[in-house]
Amino acid sequence: MTTKTDPNQNFTINEFYIKVKGDYGKEKTVRVNDMGDKLLSLITDLGWDYQRMSCSGREVYDEIQQLLGTITENEVYMEI
């Protein structure tokens, strides 16, 4: 985990690194740092609550999964 403290400010900066290389349906590589790995794990866990999400919540979750390359652009995470 990369944590930086700005000496002129009273806050900490956490850096998340997630790099997805490859197309959906093909072999892809994902490179992450510790914070990025934790974030991906939390997003994956959130999928268990997909059916209980509001319609707009599911749309946002689908968009996140599309950005990560888990599903294609016109696909949804789960049909309800």
Protein backbone atom coordinates (compact mmCIF):
# COMPACT_ATOMS: atom_id res chain seq x y z
CA MET A 1 0.00 0.00 0.00
CA THR A 2 1.29 3.41 -0.92
CA THR A 3 0.38 6.00 1.66
CA LYS A 4 1.64 9.53 1.42
CA THR A 5 1.33 12.40 3.83
CA ASP A 6 1.58 15.92 2.52
CA PRO A 7 3.76 17.89 4.97
CA ASN A 8 1.75 21.05 4.23
CA GLN A 9 -1.62 19.43 4.80
CA ASN A 10 -3.13 17.34 7.53
CA PHE A 11 -4.36 14.38 5.48
CA THR A 12 -3.19 11.07 4.04
CA ILE A 13 -3.40 10.03 0.39
CA ASN A 14 -4.18 6.38 -0.40
CA GLU A 15 -3.34 5.25 -3.92
CA PHE A 16 -5.43 2.58 -5.65
CA TYR A 17 -3.87 0.91 -8.68
CA ILE A 18 -6.02 -1.28 -10.93
CA LYS A 19 -4.93 -2.06 -14.49
CA VAL A 20 -7.00 -4.40 -16.66
CA LYS A 21 -5.45 -5.49 -19.94
CA GLY A 22 -7.34 -7.61 -22.46
CA ASP A 23 -10.83 -7.95 -23.88
CA TYR A 24 -13.91 -9.55 -22.38
CA GLY A 25 -14.13 -13.25 -23.17
CA LYS A 26 -10.41 -13.48 -23.80
CA GLU A 27 -7.55 -13.95 -21.43
CA LYS A 28 -6.88 -10.75 -19.56
CA THR A 29 -4.42 -9.65 -16.95
CA VAL A 30 -5.23 -7.56 -13.91
CA ARG A 31 -2.49 -5.74 -12.04
CA VAL A 32 -3.26 -4.18 -8.68
CA ASN A 33 -1.53 -2.86 -5.61
CA ASP A 34 -2.73 -3.88 -2.13
CA MET A 35 -5.39 -1.15 -1.98
CA GLY A 36 -6.59 -1.97 -5.52
CA ASP A 37 -6.86 -5.64 -4.59
CA LYS A 38 -8.93 -4.77 -1.54
CA LEU A 39 -11.20 -2.54 -3.65
CA LEU A 40 -11.76 -5.32 -6.24
CA SER A 41 -12.55 -7.74 -3.42
CA LEU A 42 -15.13 -5.35 -1.95
CA ILE A 43 -16.74 -4.76 -5.36
CA THR A 44 -16.97 -8.52 -5.88
CA ASP A 45 -18.54 -8.99 -2.43
CA LEU A 46 -21.05 -6.25 -3.23
CA GLY A 47 -22.35 -8.43 -6.06
CA TRP A 48 -23.99 -10.68 -3.46
CA ASP A 49 -26.41 -7.79 -2.74
CA TYR A 50 -27.18 -7.11 -6.42
CA GLN A 51 -30.80 -8.32 -6.18
CA ARG A 52 -31.48 -6.01 -3.23
CA MET A 53 -30.02 -2.93 -4.93
CA SER A 54 -32.24 -0.22 -6.34
CA CYS A 55 -32.50 0.03 -10.10
CA SER A 56 -30.01 2.93 -10.16
CA GLY A 57 -27.68 1.01 -7.82
CA ARG A 58 -27.65 -1.95 -10.21
CA GLU A 59 -26.93 0.40 -13.12
CA VAL A 60 -23.92 1.83 -11.29
CA TYR A 61 -22.71 -1.66 -10.32
CA ASP A 62 -23.07 -2.81 -13.95
CA GLU A 63 -21.05 0.19 -15.12
CA ILE A 64 -18.28 -0.57 -12.61
CA GLN A 65 -18.16 -4.20 -13.78
CA GLN A 66 -18.04 -3.02 -17.41
CA LEU A 67 -15.10 -0.73 -16.62
CA LEU A 68 -13.31 -3.65 -14.99
CA GLY A 69 -13.96 -5.82 -18.05
CA THR A 70 -16.00 -8.39 -16.13
CA ILE A 71 -19.03 -7.90 -18.39
CA THR A 72 -19.45 -6.40 -21.85
CA GLU A 73 -20.81 -2.91 -22.46
CA ASN A 74 -24.40 -3.99 -23.21
CA GLU A 75 -24.52 -6.73 -20.58
CA VAL A 76 -25.87 -6.63 -17.03
CA TYR A 77 -24.33 -8.43 -14.05
CA MET A 78 -27.50 -10.43 -13.36
CA GLU A 79 -30.92 -10.62 -15.00
CA ILE A 80 -33.67 -9.83 -12.50
